[in-house]
Protein backbone atom coordinates (compact mmCIF):
# COMPACT_ATOMS: atom_id res chain seq x y z
CA MET A 1 0.04 0.03 -0.04
CA SER A 2 1.80 3.19 -1.29
CA GLN A 3 -0.58 5.79 -0.39
CA SER A 4 1.32 8.25 -2.34
CA VAL A 5 -0.03 11.47 -3.54
CA SER A 6 0.59 14.66 -6.00
CA LEU A 7 0.31 18.06 -5.61
CA ALA A 8 -2.87 17.70 -7.43
CA ASP A 9 -4.10 15.82 -4.95
CA TYR A 10 -3.43 18.34 -2.19
CA ARG A 11 -5.21 20.92 -4.39
CA ALA A 12 -8.16 18.91 -4.79
CA ALA A 13 -8.47 18.37 -0.98
CA LEU A 14 -7.99 21.89 0.04
CA THR A 15 -10.38 23.31 -2.41
CA THR A 16 -13.16 20.88 -1.72
CA PRO A 17 -16.44 22.90 -1.18
CA GLY A 18 -17.14 23.45 2.53
CA THR A 19 -13.63 23.20 3.73
CA GLY A 20 -12.67 26.90 3.79
CA ARG A 21 -14.07 27.84 6.99
CA PRO A 22 -13.17 25.07 9.24
CA LEU A 23 -9.73 24.84 7.61
CA ALA A 24 -8.92 28.27 8.79
CA ALA A 25 -10.68 28.10 12.21
CA SER A 26 -8.56 24.79 12.67
CA LEU A 27 -5.41 26.48 11.84
CA LEU A 28 -5.96 29.21 14.46
CA ALA A 29 -7.22 26.48 17.03
CA ARG A 30 -4.15 24.30 16.69
CA LEU A 31 -1.36 26.82 16.06
CA PRO A 32 -0.79 27.38 19.80
CA ILE A 33 -0.78 23.45 20.50
CA ALA A 34 3.01 23.46 20.81
CA MET A 35 3.12 27.00 22.23
CA ILE A 36 0.91 26.22 25.51
CA GLY A 37 2.79 23.31 26.56
CA LEU A 38 6.32 24.72 26.29
CA SER A 39 5.30 28.18 27.58
CA ALA A 40 3.71 26.49 30.66
CA LEU A 41 6.97 24.40 31.27
CA LEU A 42 9.25 27.54 30.82
CA TYR A 43 6.83 29.53 32.98
CA VAL A 44 6.66 27.11 35.84
CA GLN A 45 10.69 26.75 35.54
CA ARG A 46 10.91 30.45 35.70
CA GLU A 47 8.96 30.63 38.85
CA THR A 48 10.22 27.69 40.59
CA GLY A 49 13.78 27.27 39.31
CA SER A 50 13.41 23.61 38.78
CA PHE A 51 13.32 21.59 35.54
CA ALA A 52 12.05 18.64 37.35
CA ALA A 53 9.01 20.49 38.69
CA ALA A 54 8.23 22.09 35.09
CA GLY A 55 8.61 18.67 33.70
CA LEU A 56 5.98 17.27 36.03
CA VAL A 57 3.55 20.03 35.36
CA SER A 58 3.84 19.65 31.77
CA ALA A 59 3.58 15.98 31.99
CA GLY A 60 0.37 16.31 34.11
CA SER A 61 -1.21 18.58 31.12
CA LEU A 62 -0.29 15.96 28.76
CA VAL A 63 -1.78 13.04 30.90
CA GLY A 64 -4.94 15.22 30.84
CA VAL A 65 -4.81 15.55 27.07
CA SER A 66 -4.54 11.74 26.79
CA VAL A 67 -7.71 11.37 28.85
CA GLY A 68 -9.72 14.07 27.13
CA SER A 69 -8.83 13.01 23.73
CA ILE A 70 -10.61 9.92 24.09
CA ILE A 71 -13.70 11.23 25.93
CA GLN A 72 -14.06 14.06 23.42
CA GLY A 73 -13.37 11.79 20.36
CA ARG A 74 -16.16 9.38 21.51
CA LEU A 75 -18.59 12.57 22.01
CA ILE A 76 -17.66 13.91 18.80
CA ASP A 77 -18.26 10.73 17.01
CA ARG A 78 -21.70 10.20 18.64
CA LEU A 79 -22.95 13.79 18.91
CA GLY A 80 -20.99 15.82 16.32
CA PRO A 81 -18.27 18.09 17.09
CA THR A 82 -20.35 21.42 17.73
CA ARG A 83 -21.83 20.82 21.30
CA PRO A 84 -18.60 18.95 22.74
CA LEU A 85 -16.44 21.50 21.55
CA LEU A 86 -18.29 24.55 22.78
CA VAL A 87 -18.41 23.03 26.15
CA VAL A 88 -14.84 22.32 26.66
CA VAL A 89 -13.61 25.68 25.35
CA VAL A 90 -15.43 27.13 28.37
CA LEU A 91 -13.93 24.72 30.70
CA PHE A 92 -10.47 25.21 29.13
CA ALA A 93 -10.56 28.88 29.73
CA VAL A 94 -11.28 28.42 33.34
CA ALA A 95 -8.67 25.87 33.76
CA MET A 96 -6.08 28.17 32.24
CA ALA A 97 -6.88 30.93 34.44
CA ALA A 98 -6.72 28.68 37.61
CA LEU A 99 -3.23 27.46 36.60
CA THR A 100 -2.08 31.08 35.97
CA PHE A 101 -3.14 32.29 39.22
CA ALA A 102 -1.76 29.13 40.90
CA ILE A 103 1.78 29.76 39.25
CA GLU A 104 1.70 33.36 40.32
CA ALA A 105 0.71 32.37 43.93
CA HIS A 106 3.89 29.82 43.98
CA ALA A 107 1.28 26.95 44.79
CA PRO A 108 2.85 23.53 45.79
CA THR A 109 4.05 21.24 42.78
CA PRO A 110 1.26 18.69 43.43
CA VAL A 111 -1.42 21.41 42.81
CA LEU A 112 0.28 22.78 39.70
CA VAL A 113 0.47 19.39 38.27
CA LEU A 114 -3.18 18.91 39.20
CA LEU A 115 -4.40 22.11 37.39
CA GLY A 116 -2.08 21.38 34.58
CA GLY A 117 -3.88 18.14 33.95
CA GLY A 118 -7.18 20.30 34.06
CA ILE A 119 -5.86 22.21 31.22
CA GLY A 120 -5.01 18.99 29.13
CA ILE A 121 -8.35 17.33 29.75
CA THR A 122 -10.34 20.34 28.52
CA GLU A 123 -7.94 21.29 25.73
CA PRO A 124 -10.38 21.49 22.54
CA MET A 125 -9.79 18.45 20.49
CA VAL A 126 -9.92 20.31 17.05
CA GLY A 127 -7.53 18.04 15.67
CA SER A 128 -9.56 14.86 15.99
CA ALA A 129 -12.49 16.54 14.72
CA SER A 130 -10.60 18.18 11.79
CA ARG A 131 -9.06 15.03 10.81
CA ALA A 132 -12.53 13.17 11.05
CA LEU A 133 -14.09 16.01 8.97
CA TRP A 134 -11.89 15.59 6.05
CA GLY A 135 -12.96 11.90 5.72
CA ARG A 136 -16.53 13.32 5.37
CA LEU A 137 -16.13 16.01 2.98
CA VAL A 138 -13.38 14.69 0.67
CA THR A 139 -13.97 12.10 -1.87
CA GLY A 140 -11.33 9.76 -3.55
CA GLU A 141 -8.59 7.89 -1.80
CA ALA A 142 -5.90 10.05 -3.19
CA ALA A 143 -7.28 13.26 -1.97
CA LYS A 144 -8.08 12.10 1.35
CA ASN A 145 -4.58 10.77 1.72
CA ALA A 146 -3.58 14.25 0.75
CA ALA A 147 -5.66 15.81 3.53
CA PHE A 148 -4.23 13.61 6.06
CA SER A 149 -0.73 14.40 5.06
CA TYR A 150 -1.65 17.99 4.98
CA GLU A 151 -3.00 17.70 8.62
CA ALA A 152 0.34 16.16 9.59
CA ILE A 153 2.63 18.74 7.60
CA SER A 154 0.47 21.50 9.03
CA MET A 155 0.96 20.52 12.59
CA GLU A 156 4.87 20.51 12.08
CA VAL A 157 4.42 24.01 10.76
CA PHE A 158 2.82 24.93 14.23
CA PHE A 159 5.62 22.95 15.97
CA ILE A 160 8.23 25.25 14.19
CA LEU A 161 6.32 28.29 15.03
CA GLY A 162 5.16 27.36 18.70
CA PRO A 163 8.41 26.65 20.27
CA GLY A 164 10.16 29.56 18.84
CA VAL A 165 7.19 32.08 19.90
CA ALA A 166 7.28 30.28 23.25
CA GLY A 167 10.96 30.70 23.56
CA LEU A 168 10.76 34.58 22.72
CA LEU A 169 7.86 35.10 24.97
CA VAL A 170 9.16 33.70 28.14
CA ALA A 171 11.53 36.67 28.03
CA ALA A 172 8.82 38.93 28.13
CA PRO A 173 8.34 41.17 31.36
CA TRP A 174 5.66 38.73 32.42
CA PRO A 175 6.76 34.97 31.59
CA GLY A 176 3.37 33.78 31.52
CA THR A 177 2.64 35.72 28.44
CA GLY A 178 3.12 32.82 26.05
CA MET A 179 0.77 30.57 27.80
CA VAL A 180 -2.14 33.02 28.13
CA ALA A 181 -1.54 34.12 24.53
CA GLY A 182 -1.56 30.74 23.34
CA GLY A 183 -4.91 29.83 25.20
CA LEU A 184 -6.68 32.73 23.81
CA CYS A 185 -5.82 31.81 20.22
CA MET A 186 -6.89 28.25 20.93
CA VAL A 187 -10.42 29.31 22.38
CA THR A 188 -11.01 31.71 19.63
CA GLY A 189 -10.18 29.22 16.93
CA ALA A 190 -12.00 26.23 18.57
CA THR A 191 -15.21 28.28 18.79
CA MET A 192 -15.11 29.41 15.19
CA PHE A 193 -14.46 25.66 14.08
CA ALA A 194 -17.41 24.52 16.20
CA LEU A 195 -19.69 27.09 14.70
CA SER A 196 -18.70 26.67 10.89
CA PRO A 197 -21.29 25.53 8.90
CA ALA A 198 -19.74 22.36 7.63
CA VAL A 199 -19.23 21.25 11.21
CA ARG A 200 -22.58 22.24 12.47
CA ALA A 201 -23.94 20.22 9.70
CA TRP A 202 -22.09 17.07 11.28
CA GLY A 203 -25.08 15.62 13.43
CA PRO A 204 -25.41 12.76 15.80
CA ALA A 205 -24.39 9.35 14.51
CA PRO A 206 -27.09 6.56 14.67
CA SER A 207 -27.09 4.83 17.86
CA ALA A 208 -25.13 1.56 17.68
CA HIS A 209 -23.51 -0.95 20.19
CA ARG A 210 -19.72 -0.05 20.67
CA PRO A 211 -17.28 -2.22 22.58
CA LEU A 212 -15.97 -0.68 25.99
CA LEU A 213 -12.45 0.10 24.40
CA GLY A 214 -13.99 1.45 21.34
CA ALA A 215 -11.71 1.86 18.39
CA LEU A 216 -8.77 0.44 20.49
CA ALA A 217 -10.82 -2.86 20.31
CA SER A 218 -9.24 -3.55 16.87
CA PRO A 219 -5.75 -5.41 17.34
CA GLY A 220 -4.16 -2.98 14.62
CA MET A 221 -5.22 0.01 16.36
CA ARG A 222 -3.57 -1.05 19.37
CA THR A 223 -0.34 -1.64 17.38
CA LEU A 224 -0.82 1.82 16.06
CA ALA A 225 -1.13 3.19 19.41
CA LEU A 226 1.99 1.56 20.63
CA ALA A 227 3.86 3.08 17.59
CA ALA A 228 2.56 6.41 18.43
CA LEU A 229 3.45 5.80 22.09
CA GLY A 230 7.06 5.37 21.07
CA PHE A 231 6.94 8.41 18.87
CA GLY A 232 5.67 10.59 21.81
CA ILE A 233 8.38 9.13 24.21
CA VAL A 234 11.27 10.41 22.02
CA ILE A 235 9.63 13.82 21.53
CA GLY A 236 8.99 14.09 25.45
CA PHE A 237 12.75 13.46 26.08
CA VAL A 238 13.96 15.73 23.64
CA GLU A 239 11.56 18.74 24.66
CA VAL A 240 12.96 18.94 28.07
CA ALA A 241 16.56 18.17 27.29
CA VAL A 242 16.91 20.70 24.57
CA PRO A 243 15.73 23.76 26.67
CA ALA A 244 18.00 22.47 29.31
CA ALA A 245 21.01 22.06 26.90
CA ALA A 246 20.31 25.74 26.19
CA THR A 247 19.96 26.76 29.89
CA GLU A 248 23.64 25.09 30.56
CA ALA A 249 24.99 27.15 27.73
CA GLY A 250 23.76 30.55 29.10
CA ARG A 251 21.03 30.90 26.44
CA PRO A 252 17.62 29.92 27.92
CA ALA A 253 15.81 31.96 25.37
CA LEU A 254 17.27 29.76 22.63
CA GLY A 255 15.56 26.31 23.77
CA GLY A 256 12.28 27.09 21.89
CA VAL A 257 14.08 28.24 18.75
CA LEU A 258 16.40 24.86 18.83
CA LEU A 259 13.02 22.84 19.13
CA SER A 260 11.66 24.62 16.14
CA ALA A 261 14.93 23.47 14.11
CA TRP A 262 13.99 19.95 13.77
CA SER A 263 10.47 20.80 12.64
CA VAL A 264 12.03 22.81 9.60
CA SER A 265 13.46 19.73 8.20
CA SER A 266 10.51 17.69 9.35
CA VAL A 267 8.01 19.83 6.86
CA ALA A 268 10.56 19.69 3.94
CA PHE A 269 11.19 15.98 4.24
CA GLY A 270 7.49 15.33 5.05
CA ILE A 271 6.34 17.03 1.65
CA ALA A 272 9.14 14.73 -0.06
CA PHE A 273 7.97 11.63 1.63
CA SER A 274 4.05 12.04 1.05
CA LEU A 275 4.88 11.85 -2.68
CA ARG A 276 6.74 8.54 -2.19
CA PRO A 277 6.12 7.00 1.17
CA TRP A 278 8.43 4.19 2.13
CA PRO A 279 8.27 1.28 3.15
CA ARG A 280 4.95 0.89 1.02
CA ARG A 281 3.37 -1.63 3.48
CA MET A 282 2.14 0.12 6.49
CA SER A 283 2.92 -2.69 8.71
CA LEU A 284 6.40 -2.29 7.89
CA ARG A 285 6.35 1.66 7.67
CA LEU A 286 5.48 1.92 11.42
CA PRO A 287 8.48 0.17 13.07
CA THR A 288 10.78 1.27 10.29
CA LEU A 289 10.12 5.00 10.54
CA LEU A 290 10.38 4.76 14.45
CA ALA A 291 13.71 2.97 14.66
CA GLY A 292 15.14 5.31 12.13
CA PHE A 293 14.05 8.12 14.27
CA GLY A 294 15.70 6.68 17.27
CA LEU A 295 18.95 6.20 15.53
CA LEU A 296 18.76 9.90 14.28
CA VAL A 297 17.93 11.28 17.86
CA ALA A 298 21.15 9.57 19.33
CA LEU A 299 22.92 12.07 17.28
CA LEU A 300 21.90 14.81 19.49
CA ALA A 301 24.03 13.46 22.36
CA TRP A 302 27.19 14.33 20.43
CA PRO A 303 27.42 18.03 19.84
CA SER A 304 29.16 20.24 22.48
CA THR A 305 27.92 23.50 21.00
CA LEU A 306 24.38 24.85 20.40
CA TRP A 307 25.37 25.33 16.79
CA GLY A 308 26.09 21.65 16.62
CA LEU A 309 22.92 20.55 18.36
CA ALA A 310 20.89 22.96 15.98
CA LEU A 311 22.43 20.80 13.16
CA ALA A 312 21.61 17.47 14.75
CA MET A 313 18.14 18.47 15.39
CA LEU A 314 17.52 19.39 11.62
CA VAL A 315 18.85 15.75 10.79
CA ALA A 316 16.72 14.10 13.35
CA GLY A 317 13.55 16.12 12.61
CA ALA A 318 13.43 14.43 9.07
CA MET A 319 11.52 11.67 10.73
CA ILE A 320 8.71 13.45 12.42
CA THR A 321 6.28 14.47 9.69
CA PRO A 322 6.56 11.06 8.08
CA GLN A 323 5.60 9.49 11.14
CA SER A 324 2.62 11.66 11.91
CA ALA A 325 1.46 11.28 8.38
CA THR A 326 1.70 7.59 8.73
CA HIS A 327 -0.22 7.43 12.00
CA SER A 328 -3.10 9.41 10.44
CA ALA A 329 -3.27 7.34 7.33
CA ALA A 330 -3.10 3.98 9.19
CA ILE A 331 -6.33 4.90 11.12
CA GLU A 332 -8.19 4.19 7.78
CA ILE A 333 -6.78 0.74 7.81
CA VAL A 334 -6.91 -0.21 11.49
CA ALA A 335 -10.07 1.65 12.85
CA PRO A 336 -13.46 0.38 13.04
CA GLU A 337 -15.98 2.17 10.72
CA GLY A 338 -17.53 5.26 12.57
CA THR A 339 -14.80 5.61 15.04
CA ALA A 340 -12.37 8.11 13.15
CA ALA A 341 -12.61 10.87 15.80
CA GLU A 342 -12.17 8.33 18.53
CA ALA A 343 -9.46 6.71 16.77
CA PHE A 344 -7.39 9.63 16.29
CA GLY A 345 -7.95 10.44 20.09
CA TRP A 346 -6.18 7.16 20.83
CA VAL A 347 -3.45 8.05 18.55
CA LEU A 348 -3.09 11.41 20.56
CA THR A 349 -3.55 9.71 23.52
CA ALA A 350 -0.69 7.56 22.99
CA VAL A 351 1.72 10.32 21.82
CA THR A 352 0.85 12.32 24.84
CA LEU A 353 1.31 9.55 27.35
CA GLY A 354 4.68 9.10 25.63
CA LEU A 355 5.32 12.77 26.05
CA ALA A 356 4.58 12.57 29.56
CA PHE A 357 6.81 9.67 30.30
CA GLY A 358 9.64 11.15 28.35
CA GLN A 359 9.52 14.67 29.72
CA SER A 360 9.04 13.09 33.30
CA VAL A 361 12.17 10.95 32.94
CA SER A 362 14.20 13.58 30.98
CA GLY A 363 13.88 16.09 33.63
CA TYR A 364 15.30 13.72 36.21
CA LEU A 365 18.29 12.66 33.79
CA VAL A 366 19.09 16.13 32.90
CA GLU A 367 19.44 17.55 36.47
CA ARG A 368 21.44 14.39 37.51
CA SER A 369 23.43 13.35 34.20
CA GLY A 370 23.01 15.95 31.95
CA PRO A 371 21.16 16.56 28.49
CA PRO A 372 23.28 13.79 26.59
CA ALA A 373 21.99 11.21 28.88
CA ALA A 374 18.47 12.06 28.07
CA PHE A 375 19.05 11.98 24.27
CA LEU A 376 20.64 8.55 24.47
CA ALA A 377 17.57 7.37 26.66
CA ALA A 378 15.34 8.66 24.06
CA SER A 379 17.08 6.73 21.08
CA VAL A 380 17.03 3.31 23.21
CA SER A 381 13.33 3.73 23.96
CA ALA A 382 12.54 4.34 20.49
CA LEU A 383 14.45 1.22 19.33
CA VAL A 384 12.71 -1.02 22.07
CA VAL A 385 9.34 0.18 21.01
CA ALA A 386 10.06 -0.30 17.21
CA ALA A 387 11.24 -3.86 17.93
CA VAL A 388 7.83 -4.75 19.69
CA VAL A 389 5.91 -2.99 16.87
CA TRP A 390 7.72 -5.11 14.52
CA SER A 391 6.62 -8.27 16.05
CA LEU A 392 3.05 -7.14 16.09
CA ARG A 393 3.23 -6.04 12.34
CA ALA A 394 0.82 -8.62 11.44
CA THR A 395 -2.01 -6.96 13.04
CA VAL A 396 -1.90 -4.19 10.58
CA ARG A 397 -3.75 -5.71 7.89
CA GLU A 398 -3.62 -4.10 4.37
CA PRO A 399 -6.82 -3.71 2.44
CA VAL A 400 -7.22 -6.86 -0.05
CA ARG A 401 -7.75 -4.48 -3.02
CA GLU A 402 -4.63 -2.79 -2.46
CA ARG A 403 -2.19 -5.88 -1.70
CA VAL A 404 -1.61 -6.40 -5.60
CA LEU A 405 0.20 -2.93 -5.79
CA VAL A 406 2.95 -4.02 -3.45
């Protein structure tokens, strides 16, 4: 199964009638995704002086996202996106205000972690709804694959902009500027998305029996979630170790800029990869890309300067968007019918749980052994998970109609 696309497929997907308003709104809602988490991490670190405490708060937020994405995904599949998104937008705004006040009041770390979890669980899952909406509005397999690839590429653009903006705003007179600005952007975009005509036309789904695990009841979906978990673990290690390396070098404001570096190569390579993905079989692509990512991340432990680290980040970033696009495309193969939003929620949950684990352990390692130890731990983790995904590759079954192509 090649799932290759052309530039014409991208054009066909992005010009499909009805996609204009939700497309613009989803861009605004998802722009601060990377910005909020890193801004919160840097904000807490600035106020507490501890990367370990900041990593725990960020991890608490990610655990909240992992829970909220499943709940919201199921509600979106059953009720349509409008009502669930409008409710969580209000709850998210309240949670953001509560965490801001708590940080300013120098509340104990457990309180900050709990409030961070509140932000995560109420974060509007516009990404899940947007990904499922493409499947409803776009016809033709090639155009759908282009739409899913666009989702992954656009997210990487946000990961380019988000960390860089967060790194700059943490140096503002008030270090909470980035977190609050990102929250306002997300609230505005999610509200606009929920109220757009194409989204409002997505009504409740017919009632049907659903297994307790929902989309995760599929063996292939569980394998996909495991691959996403490994991907998230690696990102989590790096997202704490890179700012720590910048701080050790006396340039803390460059932490976010360095994280943006690997997203630059990710977008460039991701576009090329979508035109000719490899390996062709999805069952082989999942473990191969994860293992390659782990090997490239090991290079981050070698440089002794920030310039060298930036170069290594550019190299390692080549494997990010191909994995994100692969995860999104694999949902079409492994997810039960009618569970697209929830299935994407499970992928997001797996990634965020991996991020939470990686950030928590990375914070511990950088304070005791330095950033290089965290980079090497990320590499080993990726290779171990990739080996397990390889052993489960038979669960990712290719559609019969496409096996003749490989």
